[in-house]
Amino acid sequence: ALRRVRATDAAEKVNFTIKFSPYQLYPEASQEGEDKYEWYKKSRYGDSEEKMKMYMTLMSAYGTTAGIDYKYTGTVANTLPAHRIIQHFQESLGPSVADKLVMSLYSLYFEQSQHPSSPSTLLTACLAAGIPQAEAGKVINDESEGLMEAKLAIRENVGNGIDSVPVVVVEGRRRDVTVTGANEVEDYEKALRQVVKESI
């Protein structure tokens, strides 16, 4: 959606900066994780194959509109290490690097069925974002680096009523526009265009 808006004359009028804020849907998940398909089917859809197939059909349709080829294999696990890494590099290297890091993590997890926060997944994503291997490895291996900050940010988001993902807040000059949950690309584009319209 943002790429679409940036490709229009709106890009000359309003500057958008992406800032990622951490939130965990399942903070009780283990770091080792469990089978993604079975976990979704059991915990979200009452162990129903039919409901799981409906979910996969819906998410695949959403993914297609956004250029994402969802896979339902791999591992569901605790994402706190990934949030810690994203927040650290967003703070130290800026929003552009954080955006590349998150896009790589999404691809690794949703399309390539990789563990969401294993050291190898995190390193691969960091390298794809242009972060030097030595710098990335140092932060990945020091599990205390940025951990408290990430936990506090998650707690703040919970305190602000966040209880699902994604929650996209487009800050505008007159008001903020919030889009919650999985939506069509056009819904996000509409929110961005509304902020552009109200900012001119």
N, C-alpha and C. Protein backbone atom coordinates (compact mmCIF):
# COMPACT_ATOMS: atom_id res chain seq x y z
N ALA A 1 0.82 -1.19 0.00
CA ALA A 1 0.00 0.00 0.00
C ALA A 1 0.87 1.25 0.00
N LEU A 2 1.91 1.23 0.82
CA LEU A 2 2.78 2.40 0.89
C LEU A 2 3.53 2.60 -0.42
N ARG A 3 3.97 1.50 -1.03
CA ARG A 3 4.63 1.62 -2.34
C ARG A 3 3.70 2.23 -3.37
N ARG A 4 2.44 1.83 -3.33
CA ARG A 4 1.45 2.39 -4.28
C ARG A 4 1.29 3.89 -4.07
N VAL A 5 1.16 4.31 -2.82
CA VAL A 5 0.96 5.73 -2.53
C VAL A 5 2.22 6.52 -2.88
N ARG A 6 3.37 5.95 -2.59
CA ARG A 6 4.63 6.64 -2.91
C ARG A 6 4.84 6.78 -4.41
N ALA A 7 4.18 5.94 -5.20
CA ALA A 7 4.32 6.01 -6.66
C ALA A 7 3.42 7.09 -7.27
N THR A 8 2.61 7.76 -6.45
CA THR A 8 1.72 8.81 -6.93
C THR A 8 2.30 10.18 -6.60
N ASP A 9 1.61 11.23 -7.02
CA ASP A 9 2.07 12.59 -6.70
C ASP A 9 1.93 12.89 -5.20
N ALA A 10 1.24 12.03 -4.45
CA ALA A 10 1.11 12.22 -3.00
C ALA A 10 2.48 12.16 -2.33
N ALA A 11 3.40 11.42 -2.92
CA ALA A 11 4.74 11.28 -2.35
C ALA A 11 5.46 12.62 -2.25
N GLU A 12 5.10 13.55 -3.13
CA GLU A 12 5.73 14.87 -3.10
C GLU A 12 5.15 15.75 -1.99
N LYS A 13 3.97 15.39 -1.49
CA LYS A 13 3.28 16.22 -0.52
C LYS A 13 3.44 15.76 0.93
N VAL A 14 3.59 14.44 1.11
CA VAL A 14 3.65 13.88 2.47
C VAL A 14 4.75 12.83 2.53
N ASN A 15 5.51 12.85 3.60
CA ASN A 15 6.56 11.86 3.80
C ASN A 15 6.12 10.86 4.86
N PHE A 16 6.13 9.58 4.51
CA PHE A 16 5.78 8.52 5.46
C PHE A 16 7.04 7.82 5.93
N THR A 17 7.14 7.61 7.24
CA THR A 17 8.24 6.85 7.83
C THR A 17 7.64 5.69 8.59
N ILE A 18 8.12 4.48 8.32
CA ILE A 18 7.60 3.30 9.00
C ILE A 18 8.35 3.10 10.30
N LYS A 19 7.59 2.90 11.38
CA LYS A 19 8.17 2.57 12.68
C LYS A 19 7.48 1.31 13.19
N PHE A 20 8.28 0.29 13.47
CA PHE A 20 7.74 -0.97 13.95
C PHE A 20 7.72 -0.96 15.47
N SER A 21 6.58 -1.36 16.01
CA SER A 21 6.40 -1.41 17.45
C SER A 21 6.08 -2.86 17.82
N PRO A 22 6.74 -3.42 18.84
CA PRO A 22 6.58 -4.84 19.11
C PRO A 22 5.29 -5.20 19.85
N TYR A 23 4.79 -6.38 19.52
CA TYR A 23 3.65 -6.96 20.21
C TYR A 23 3.70 -8.47 20.00
N GLN A 24 3.42 -9.23 21.03
CA GLN A 24 3.39 -10.69 20.91
C GLN A 24 1.97 -11.20 21.07
N LEU A 25 1.49 -11.88 20.04
CA LEU A 25 0.18 -12.51 20.14
C LEU A 25 0.21 -13.66 21.13
N TYR A 26 1.31 -14.41 21.13
CA TYR A 26 1.41 -15.61 21.96
C TYR A 26 2.71 -15.58 22.76
N PRO A 27 2.77 -14.73 23.79
CA PRO A 27 4.01 -14.61 24.56
C PRO A 27 4.38 -15.88 25.31
N GLU A 28 3.41 -16.77 25.50
CA GLU A 28 3.68 -18.02 26.23
C GLU A 28 4.30 -19.09 25.33
N ALA A 29 4.42 -18.84 24.04
CA ALA A 29 5.00 -19.83 23.13
C ALA A 29 6.45 -20.11 23.52
N SER A 30 6.88 -21.34 23.34
CA SER A 30 8.25 -21.71 23.67
C SER A 30 9.20 -21.23 22.57
N GLN A 31 10.47 -21.13 22.90
CA GLN A 31 11.46 -20.76 21.89
C GLN A 31 11.68 -21.90 20.90
N GLU A 32 11.57 -23.13 21.36
CA GLU A 32 11.74 -24.28 20.46
C GLU A 32 10.59 -24.33 19.45
N GLY A 33 9.40 -24.05 19.93
CA GLY A 33 8.24 -23.98 19.05
C GLY A 33 7.60 -25.33 18.78
N GLU A 34 6.62 -25.29 17.89
CA GLU A 34 5.92 -26.50 17.47
C GLU A 34 5.43 -26.34 16.04
N ASP A 35 4.95 -27.43 15.48
CA ASP A 35 4.52 -27.44 14.08
C ASP A 35 3.46 -26.37 13.82
N LYS A 36 3.73 -25.53 12.84
CA LYS A 36 2.85 -24.39 12.55
C LYS A 36 1.43 -24.83 12.18
N TYR A 37 1.30 -25.76 11.25
CA TYR A 37 -0.02 -26.19 10.79
C TYR A 37 -0.83 -26.77 11.95
N GLU A 38 -0.21 -27.69 12.69
CA GLU A 38 -0.92 -28.34 13.79
C GLU A 38 -1.27 -27.36 14.90
N TRP A 39 -0.36 -26.42 15.16
CA TRP A 39 -0.62 -25.44 16.20
C TRP A 39 -1.83 -24.57 15.85
N TYR A 40 -1.86 -24.04 14.61
CA TYR A 40 -3.00 -23.22 14.20
C TYR A 40 -4.29 -24.02 14.25
N LYS A 41 -4.25 -25.22 13.70
CA LYS A 41 -5.46 -26.04 13.65
C LYS A 41 -5.98 -26.31 15.06
N LYS A 42 -5.10 -26.66 15.96
CA LYS A 42 -5.51 -27.02 17.32
C LYS A 42 -5.88 -25.80 18.17
N SER A 43 -5.04 -24.77 18.17
CA SER A 43 -5.26 -23.67 19.10
C SER A 43 -6.24 -22.62 18.59
N ARG A 44 -6.35 -22.50 17.29
CA ARG A 44 -7.21 -21.46 16.74
C ARG A 44 -8.52 -22.00 16.15
N TYR A 45 -8.51 -23.24 15.72
CA TYR A 45 -9.67 -23.75 14.96
C TYR A 45 -10.21 -25.06 15.51
N GLY A 46 -10.05 -25.28 16.82
CA GLY A 46 -10.68 -26.42 17.48
C GLY A 46 -10.34 -27.75 16.87
N ASP A 47 -9.15 -27.87 16.31
CA ASP A 47 -8.67 -29.11 15.69
C ASP A 47 -9.50 -29.49 14.45
N SER A 48 -10.16 -28.51 13.85
CA SER A 48 -11.00 -28.75 12.68
C SER A 48 -10.22 -28.54 11.38
N GLU A 49 -10.12 -29.60 10.60
CA GLU A 49 -9.46 -29.50 9.28
C GLU A 49 -10.22 -28.53 8.38
N GLU A 50 -11.56 -28.57 8.45
CA GLU A 50 -12.39 -27.71 7.60
C GLU A 50 -12.14 -26.23 7.91
N LYS A 51 -12.13 -25.87 9.19
CA LYS A 51 -11.89 -24.47 9.56
C LYS A 51 -10.46 -24.06 9.21
N MET A 52 -9.52 -24.98 9.35
CA MET A 52 -8.13 -24.67 9.01
C MET A 52 -8.01 -24.42 7.51
N LYS A 53 -8.68 -25.19 6.72
CA LYS A 53 -8.64 -24.99 5.25
C LYS A 53 -9.27 -23.66 4.87
N MET A 54 -10.35 -23.27 5.57
CA MET A 54 -10.97 -21.97 5.31
C MET A 54 -10.00 -20.84 5.65
N TYR A 55 -9.31 -20.96 6.78
CA TYR A 55 -8.31 -19.96 7.18
C TYR A 55 -7.20 -19.87 6.14
N MET A 56 -6.71 -21.02 5.69
CA MET A 56 -5.62 -21.03 4.71
C MET A 56 -6.08 -20.38 3.40
N THR A 57 -7.30 -20.63 3.00
CA THR A 57 -7.83 -20.04 1.77
C THR A 57 -7.91 -18.52 1.90
N LEU A 58 -8.43 -18.04 3.03
CA LEU A 58 -8.56 -16.61 3.27
C LEU A 58 -7.19 -15.93 3.31
N MET A 59 -6.27 -16.48 4.10
CA MET A 59 -4.95 -15.88 4.23
C MET A 59 -4.17 -15.93 2.92
N SER A 60 -4.34 -17.00 2.17
CA SER A 60 -3.67 -17.09 0.87
C SER A 60 -4.19 -16.02 -0.08
N ALA A 61 -5.49 -15.74 -0.02
CA ALA A 61 -6.07 -14.69 -0.86
C ALA A 61 -5.52 -13.32 -0.46
N TYR A 62 -5.47 -13.06 0.85
CA TYR A 62 -4.87 -11.80 1.32
C TYR A 62 -3.42 -11.71 0.86
N GLY A 63 -2.71 -12.81 1.02
CA GLY A 63 -1.30 -12.84 0.64
C GLY A 63 -1.09 -12.56 -0.83
N THR A 64 -1.93 -13.13 -1.67
CA THR A 64 -1.80 -12.94 -3.12
C THR A 64 -1.90 -11.46 -3.48
N THR A 65 -2.83 -10.74 -2.86
CA THR A 65 -2.98 -9.32 -3.17
C THR A 65 -1.77 -8.50 -2.73
N ALA A 66 -1.02 -9.03 -1.74
CA ALA A 66 0.15 -8.31 -1.23
C ALA A 66 1.46 -8.90 -1.74
N GLY A 67 1.36 -9.89 -2.64
CA GLY A 67 2.57 -10.50 -3.18
C GLY A 67 3.24 -11.47 -2.21
N ILE A 68 2.47 -12.05 -1.31
CA ILE A 68 3.00 -13.01 -0.33
C ILE A 68 2.47 -14.40 -0.64
N ASP A 69 3.37 -15.37 -0.71
CA ASP A 69 3.00 -16.76 -0.97
C ASP A 69 3.07 -17.53 0.35
N TYR A 70 1.98 -17.45 1.14
CA TYR A 70 1.97 -18.07 2.46
C TYR A 70 2.18 -19.57 2.39
N LYS A 71 3.00 -20.06 3.33
CA LYS A 71 3.19 -21.49 3.53
C LYS A 71 2.71 -21.80 4.95
N TYR A 72 2.17 -22.98 5.13
CA TYR A 72 1.60 -23.35 6.43
C TYR A 72 2.40 -24.47 7.08
N THR A 73 3.66 -24.57 6.67
CA THR A 73 4.59 -25.52 7.26
C THR A 73 5.60 -24.73 8.08
N GLY A 74 6.41 -25.44 8.83
CA GLY A 74 7.42 -24.76 9.63
C GLY A 74 7.04 -24.77 11.10
N THR A 75 7.54 -23.76 11.81
CA THR A 75 7.44 -23.73 13.27
C THR A 75 6.81 -22.44 13.76
N VAL A 76 5.90 -22.57 14.72
CA VAL A 76 5.40 -21.43 15.49
C VAL A 76 6.21 -21.40 16.78
N ALA A 77 6.76 -20.25 17.12
CA ALA A 77 7.60 -20.16 18.32
C ALA A 77 7.55 -18.75 18.88
N ASN A 78 8.17 -18.56 20.02
CA ASN A 78 8.23 -17.26 20.66
C ASN A 78 8.98 -16.27 19.78
N THR A 79 8.41 -15.10 19.61
CA THR A 79 8.99 -14.10 18.70
C THR A 79 9.77 -13.00 19.42
N LEU A 80 9.90 -13.08 20.73
CA LEU A 80 10.59 -12.03 21.47
C LEU A 80 12.01 -11.77 20.95
N PRO A 81 12.81 -12.80 20.65
CA PRO A 81 14.15 -12.50 20.11
C PRO A 81 14.11 -11.68 18.82
N ALA A 82 13.14 -11.94 17.96
CA ALA A 82 13.02 -11.17 16.72
C ALA A 82 12.63 -9.72 17.02
N HIS A 83 11.70 -9.51 17.95
CA HIS A 83 11.32 -8.15 18.32
C HIS A 83 12.52 -7.39 18.89
N ARG A 84 13.31 -8.07 19.69
CA ARG A 84 14.49 -7.45 20.29
C ARG A 84 15.46 -6.98 19.20
N ILE A 85 15.68 -7.82 18.21
CA ILE A 85 16.61 -7.49 17.12
C ILE A 85 16.05 -6.34 16.28
N ILE A 86 14.77 -6.40 15.95
CA ILE A 86 14.14 -5.34 15.15
C ILE A 86 14.25 -4.00 15.88
N GLN A 87 13.90 -3.98 17.15
CA GLN A 87 13.92 -2.73 17.91
C GLN A 87 15.35 -2.18 18.02
N HIS A 88 16.30 -3.08 18.24
CA HIS A 88 17.69 -2.63 18.36
C HIS A 88 18.17 -1.94 17.09
N PHE A 89 17.97 -2.60 15.95
CA PHE A 89 18.48 -2.03 14.71
C PHE A 89 17.63 -0.88 14.18
N GLN A 90 16.36 -0.86 14.53
CA GLN A 90 15.54 0.31 14.19
C GLN A 90 16.09 1.55 14.91
N GLU A 91 16.46 1.35 16.16
CA GLU A 91 16.99 2.46 16.96
C GLU A 91 18.40 2.86 16.50
N SER A 92 19.23 1.88 16.21
CA SER A 92 20.63 2.19 15.91
C SER A 92 20.90 2.51 14.44
N LEU A 93 20.14 1.89 13.52
CA LEU A 93 20.41 2.07 12.09
C LEU A 93 19.27 2.73 11.31
N GLY A 94 18.13 2.91 11.95
CA GLY A 94 17.06 3.67 11.33
C GLY A 94 15.95 2.85 10.71
N PRO A 95 14.89 3.56 10.29
CA PRO A 95 13.67 2.90 9.80
C PRO A 95 13.86 2.13 8.50
N SER A 96 14.73 2.58 7.64
CA SER A 96 14.92 1.87 6.36
C SER A 96 15.51 0.48 6.58
N VAL A 97 16.48 0.39 7.46
CA VAL A 97 17.08 -0.91 7.79
C VAL A 97 16.06 -1.79 8.50
N ALA A 98 15.30 -1.21 9.42
CA ALA A 98 14.27 -1.98 10.14
C ALA A 98 13.24 -2.53 9.16
N ASP A 99 12.85 -1.73 8.19
CA ASP A 99 11.87 -2.18 7.20
C ASP A 99 12.40 -3.38 6.41
N LYS A 100 13.64 -3.30 5.97
CA LYS A 100 14.25 -4.43 5.23
C LYS A 100 14.36 -5.65 6.12
N LEU A 101 14.71 -5.44 7.37
CA LEU A 101 14.83 -6.55 8.33
C LEU A 101 13.49 -7.24 8.52
N VAL A 102 12.44 -6.47 8.74
CA VAL A 102 11.10 -7.04 8.94
C VAL A 102 10.61 -7.75 7.68
N MET A 103 10.82 -7.14 6.51
CA MET A 103 10.38 -7.78 5.27
C MET A 103 11.09 -9.12 5.07
N SER A 104 12.37 -9.18 5.41
CA SER A 104 13.11 -10.43 5.30
C SER A 104 12.60 -11.46 6.30
N LEU A 105 12.36 -11.04 7.54
CA LEU A 105 11.82 -11.96 8.55
C LEU A 105 10.46 -12.50 8.12
N TYR A 106 9.61 -11.62 7.58
CA TYR A 106 8.29 -12.07 7.11
C TYR A 106 8.44 -13.12 6.02
N SER A 107 9.31 -12.86 5.07
CA SER A 107 9.51 -13.82 3.98
C SER A 107 10.05 -15.14 4.50
N LEU A 108 11.02 -15.07 5.39
CA LEU A 108 11.60 -16.30 5.94
C LEU A 108 10.56 -17.12 6.69
N TYR A 109 9.72 -16.46 7.46
CA TYR A 109 8.73 -17.17 8.26
C TYR A 109 7.50 -17.59 7.44
N PHE A 110 6.88 -16.63 6.77
CA PHE A 110 5.62 -16.90 6.09
C PHE A 110 5.77 -17.63 4.76
N GLU A 111 6.86 -17.38 4.03
CA GLU A 111 7.01 -17.98 2.70
C GLU A 111 8.02 -19.11 2.65
N GLN A 112 9.01 -19.08 3.54
CA GLN A 112 10.07 -20.09 3.49
C GLN A 112 10.04 -21.05 4.67
N SER A 113 9.02 -20.93 5.51
CA SER A 113 8.77 -21.84 6.63
C SER A 113 9.92 -21.93 7.62
N GLN A 114 10.66 -20.83 7.80
CA GLN A 114 11.76 -20.81 8.76
C GLN A 114 11.24 -20.48 10.16
N HIS A 115 11.98 -20.89 11.16
CA HIS A 115 11.69 -20.57 12.55
C HIS A 115 11.62 -19.04 12.67
N PRO A 116 10.65 -18.48 13.39
CA PRO A 116 10.49 -17.02 13.40
C PRO A 116 11.58 -16.24 14.12
N SER A 117 12.34 -16.89 15.00
CA SER A 117 13.31 -16.11 15.77
C SER A 117 14.56 -16.91 16.16
N SER A 118 14.89 -17.92 15.39
CA SER A 118 16.13 -18.67 15.68
C SER A 118 17.32 -17.79 15.31
N PRO A 119 18.48 -18.04 15.91
CA PRO A 119 19.67 -17.26 15.56
C PRO A 119 19.98 -17.28 14.06
N SER A 120 19.78 -18.42 13.40
CA SER A 120 20.08 -18.49 11.96
C SER A 120 19.09 -17.67 11.14
N THR A 121 17.82 -17.68 11.53
CA THR A 121 16.82 -16.85 10.84
C THR A 121 17.13 -15.37 11.05
N LEU A 122 17.45 -15.01 12.28
CA LEU A 122 17.75 -13.61 12.58
C LEU A 122 18.98 -13.13 11.82
N LEU A 123 20.01 -13.97 11.74
CA LEU A 123 21.22 -13.59 11.03
C LEU A 123 20.94 -13.43 9.53
N THR A 124 20.20 -14.37 8.96
CA THR A 124 19.85 -14.28 7.54
C THR A 124 19.10 -12.98 7.24
N ALA A 125 18.14 -12.64 8.11
CA ALA A 125 17.35 -11.42 7.92
C ALA A 125 18.23 -10.18 8.07
N CYS A 126 19.11 -10.19 9.05
CA CYS A 126 20.02 -9.04 9.25
C CYS A 126 20.90 -8.83 8.02
N LEU A 127 21.45 -9.90 7.50
CA LEU A 127 22.31 -9.78 6.32
C LEU A 127 21.52 -9.26 5.13
N ALA A 128 20.28 -9.73 4.97
CA ALA A 128 19.42 -9.26 3.87
C ALA A 128 19.11 -7.77 4.02
N ALA A 129 19.12 -7.27 5.27
CA ALA A 129 18.85 -5.85 5.53
C ALA A 129 20.11 -5.00 5.39
N GLY A 130 21.24 -5.64 5.08
CA GLY A 130 22.48 -4.90 4.90
C GLY A 130 23.26 -4.66 6.18
N ILE A 131 22.92 -5.37 7.23
CA ILE A 131 23.63 -5.23 8.50
C ILE A 131 24.87 -6.11 8.44
N PRO A 132 26.05 -5.58 8.73
CA PRO A 132 27.27 -6.38 8.69
C PRO A 132 27.17 -7.60 9.61
N GLN A 133 27.72 -8.73 9.17
CA GLN A 133 27.60 -9.98 9.91
C GLN A 133 28.13 -9.87 11.34
N ALA A 134 29.27 -9.22 11.51
CA ALA A 134 29.85 -9.11 12.86
C ALA A 134 28.93 -8.33 13.79
N GLU A 135 28.36 -7.24 13.28
CA GLU A 135 27.45 -6.42 14.09
C GLU A 135 26.17 -7.18 14.42
N ALA A 136 25.64 -7.85 13.42
CA ALA A 136 24.42 -8.63 13.63
C ALA A 136 24.67 -9.76 14.62
N GLY A 137 25.74 -10.48 14.42
CA GLY A 137 26.05 -11.61 15.30
C GLY A 137 26.23 -11.20 16.74
N LYS A 138 26.86 -10.05 16.95
CA LYS A 138 27.08 -9.56 18.31
C LYS A 138 25.75 -9.32 19.02
N VAL A 139 24.81 -8.68 18.34
CA VAL A 139 23.51 -8.38 18.96
C VAL A 139 22.67 -9.65 19.12
N ILE A 140 22.69 -10.52 18.11
CA ILE A 140 21.92 -11.76 18.19
C ILE A 140 22.42 -12.62 19.35
N ASN A 141 23.73 -12.73 19.50
CA ASN A 141 24.30 -13.61 20.52
C ASN A 141 24.22 -13.04 21.93
N ASP A 142 24.09 -11.72 22.07
CA ASP A 142 23.94 -11.11 23.40
C ASP A 142 22.45 -10.97 23.67
N GLU A 143 21.87 -12.02 24.24
CA GLU A 143 20.41 -12.08 24.40
C GLU A 143 19.86 -11.02 25.34
N SER A 144 20.73 -10.35 26.08
CA SER A 144 20.25 -9.28 26.97
C SER A 144 20.21 -7.93 26.26
N GLU A 145 20.89 -7.81 25.12
CA GLU A 145 20.95 -6.54 24.39
C GLU A 145 19.56 -6.13 23.91
N GLY A 146 19.02 -5.06 24.49
CA GLY A 146 17.72 -4.54 24.08
C GLY A 146 16.52 -5.33 24.57
N LEU A 147 16.77 -6.37 25.38
CA LEU A 147 15.67 -7.22 25.83
C LEU A 147 14.68 -6.45 26.71
N MET A 148 15.19 -5.71 27.68
CA MET A 148 14.30 -4.98 28.58
C MET A 148 13.50 -3.93 27.82
N GLU A 149 14.16 -3.23 26.89
CA GLU A 149 13.45 -2.22 26.09
C GLU A 149 12.33 -2.84 25.27
N ALA A 150 12.61 -4.01 24.66
CA ALA A 150 11.58 -4.68 23.86
C ALA A 150 10.41 -5.11 24.74
N LYS A 151 10.71 -5.66 25.91
CA LYS A 151 9.65 -6.10 26.82
C LYS A 151 8.81 -4.91 27.29
N LEU A 152 9.46 -3.79 27.59
CA LEU A 152 8.72 -2.60 28.03
C LEU A 152 7.83 -2.07 26.91
N ALA A 153 8.33 -2.08 25.68
CA ALA A 153 7.53 -1.61 24.55
C ALA A 153 6.32 -2.51 24.32
N ILE A 154 6.52 -3.82 24.47
CA ILE A 154 5.40 -4.76 24.34
C ILE A 154 4.37 -4.48 25.43
N ARG A 155 4.84 -4.31 26.64
CA ARG A 155 3.94 -4.03 27.77
C ARG A 155 3.16 -2.73 27.53
N GLU A 156 3.83 -1.73 26.99
CA GLU A 156 3.16 -0.46 26.70
C GLU A 156 2.07 -0.65 25.65
N ASN A 157 2.35 -1.44 24.62
CA ASN A 157 1.35 -1.68 23.58
C ASN A 157 0.15 -2.44 24.14
N VAL A 158 0.40 -3.41 25.00
CA VAL A 158 -0.70 -4.13 25.66
C VAL A 158 -1.52 -3.14 26.49
N GLY A 159 -0.85 -2.27 27.21
CA GLY A 159 -1.53 -1.25 28.01
C GLY A 159 -2.34 -0.28 27.18
N ASN A 160 -1.93 -0.09 25.92
CA ASN A 160 -2.65 0.79 25.01
C ASN A 160 -3.80 0.08 24.29
N GLY A 161 -4.07 -1.16 24.69
CA GLY A 161 -5.22 -1.87 24.13
C GLY A 161 -4.94 -2.69 22.89
N ILE A 162 -3.68 -2.82 22.50
CA ILE A 162 -3.36 -3.67 21.34
C ILE A 162 -3.59 -5.11 21.74
N ASP A 163 -4.36 -5.84 20.93
CA ASP A 163 -4.60 -7.25 21.23
C ASP A 163 -4.67 -8.11 19.97
N SER A 164 -4.22 -7.57 18.85
CA SER A 164 -4.20 -8.33 17.60
C SER A 164 -3.11 -7.74 16.71
N VAL A 165 -2.81 -8.45 15.64
CA VAL A 165 -1.84 -7.95 14.65
C VAL A 165 -2.39 -8.19 13.26
N PRO A 166 -2.02 -7.36 12.32
CA PRO A 166 -1.29 -6.13 12.54
C PRO A 166 -2.22 -5.00 12.99
N VAL A 167 -1.63 -4.03 13.63
CA VAL A 167 -2.30 -2.76 13.92
C VAL A 167 -1.45 -1.70 13.25
N VAL A 168 -2.01 -1.07 12.25
CA VAL A 168 -1.28 -0.05 11.51
C VAL A 168 -1.88 1.30 11.86
N VAL A 169 -1.05 2.17 12.43
CA VAL A 169 -1.48 3.52 12.79
C VAL A 169 -0.77 4.48 11.85
N VAL A 170 -1.55 5.21 11.08
CA VAL A 170 -1.00 6.21 10.18
C VAL A 170 -1.22 7.56 10.87
N GLU A 171 -0.11 8.15 11.30
CA GLU A 171 -0.21 9.42 12.02
C GLU A 171 -0.38 10.55 11.03
N GLY A 172 -1.43 11.32 11.23
CA GLY A 172 -1.72 12.43 10.33
C GLY A 172 -1.58 13.77 11.01
N ARG A 173 -1.64 14.79 10.23
CA ARG A 173 -1.55 16.16 10.77
C ARG A 173 -2.80 16.47 11.61
N ARG A 174 -3.98 16.09 11.12
CA ARG A 174 -5.24 16.38 11.83
C ARG A 174 -5.66 15.27 12.77
N ARG A 175 -5.44 14.01 12.34
CA ARG A 175 -5.84 12.86 13.15
C ARG A 175 -5.08 11.63 12.68
N ASP A 176 -5.09 10.61 13.51
CA ASP A 176 -4.46 9.35 13.15
C ASP A 176 -5.54 8.42 12.59
N VAL A 177 -5.14 7.56 11.66
CA VAL A 177 -6.05 6.57 11.09
C VAL A 177 -5.48 5.20 11.44
N THR A 178 -6.30 4.35 12.04
CA THR A 178 -5.86 3.02 12.47
C THR A 178 -6.59 1.95 11.67
N VAL A 179 -5.81 0.98 11.19
CA VAL A 179 -6.37 -0.19 10.50
C VAL A 179 -5.91 -1.40 11.29
N THR A 180 -6.86 -2.21 11.75
CA THR A 180 -6.55 -3.35 12.60
C THR A 180 -6.91 -4.66 11.91
N GLY A 181 -6.02 -5.63 12.05
CA GLY A 181 -6.27 -6.97 11.52
C GLY A 181 -5.86 -7.11 10.08
N ALA A 182 -5.91 -8.35 9.61
CA ALA A 182 -5.56 -8.65 8.22
C ALA A 182 -6.62 -8.04 7.30
N ASN A 183 -6.19 -7.19 6.41
CA ASN A 183 -7.10 -6.51 5.49
C ASN A 183 -6.54 -6.54 4.08
N GLU A 184 -7.35 -6.13 3.15
CA GLU A 184 -6.89 -6.00 1.77
C GLU A 184 -5.91 -4.84 1.68
N VAL A 185 -5.01 -4.91 0.73
CA VAL A 185 -4.02 -3.85 0.51
C VAL A 185 -4.74 -2.51 0.32
N GLU A 186 -5.87 -2.54 -0.35
CA GLU A 186 -6.62 -1.31 -0.62
C GLU A 186 -7.08 -0.61 0.66
N ASP A 187 -7.33 -1.38 1.73
CA ASP A 187 -7.75 -0.77 3.00
C ASP A 187 -6.62 0.07 3.59
N TYR A 188 -5.41 -0.44 3.51
CA TYR A 188 -4.25 0.31 4.01
C TYR A 188 -3.97 1.51 3.12
N GLU A 189 -4.11 1.29 1.82
CA GLU A 189 -3.90 2.39 0.88
C GLU A 189 -4.91 3.52 1.13
N LYS A 190 -6.14 3.16 1.42
CA LYS A 190 -7.18 4.15 1.70
C LYS A 190 -6.80 4.98 2.93
N ALA A 191 -6.28 4.32 3.98
CA ALA A 191 -5.86 5.04 5.19
C ALA A 191 -4.73 6.01 4.88
N LEU A 192 -3.77 5.57 4.09
CA LEU A 192 -2.65 6.43 3.72
C LEU A 192 -3.13 7.63 2.91
N ARG A 193 -4.02 7.38 1.95
CA ARG A 193 -4.54 8.47 1.11
C ARG A 193 -5.37 9.46 1.93
N GLN A 194 -6.07 8.95 2.94
CA GLN A 194 -6.87 9.84 3.81
C GLN A 194 -5.94 10.80 4.55
N VAL A 195 -4.82 10.28 5.06
CA VAL A 195 -3.88 11.13 5.77
C VAL A 195 -3.25 12.14 4.81
N VAL A 196 -2.95 11.71 3.59
CA VAL A 196 -2.40 12.65 2.59
C VAL A 196 -3.40 13.76 2.35
N LYS A 197 -4.67 13.39 2.12
CA LYS A 197 -5.72 14.36 1.82
C LYS A 197 -5.87 15.39 2.95
N GLU A 198 -5.79 14.92 4.20
CA GLU A 198 -5.98 15.80 5.35
C GLU A 198 -4.73 16.59 5.71
N SER A 199 -3.61 16.27 5.06
CA SER A 199 -2.36 16.94 5.38
C SER A 199 -2.00 18.05 4.38
N ILE A 200 -2.77 18.16 3.33
CA ILE A 200 -2.45 19.15 2.29
C ILE A 200 -3.11 20.47 2.60
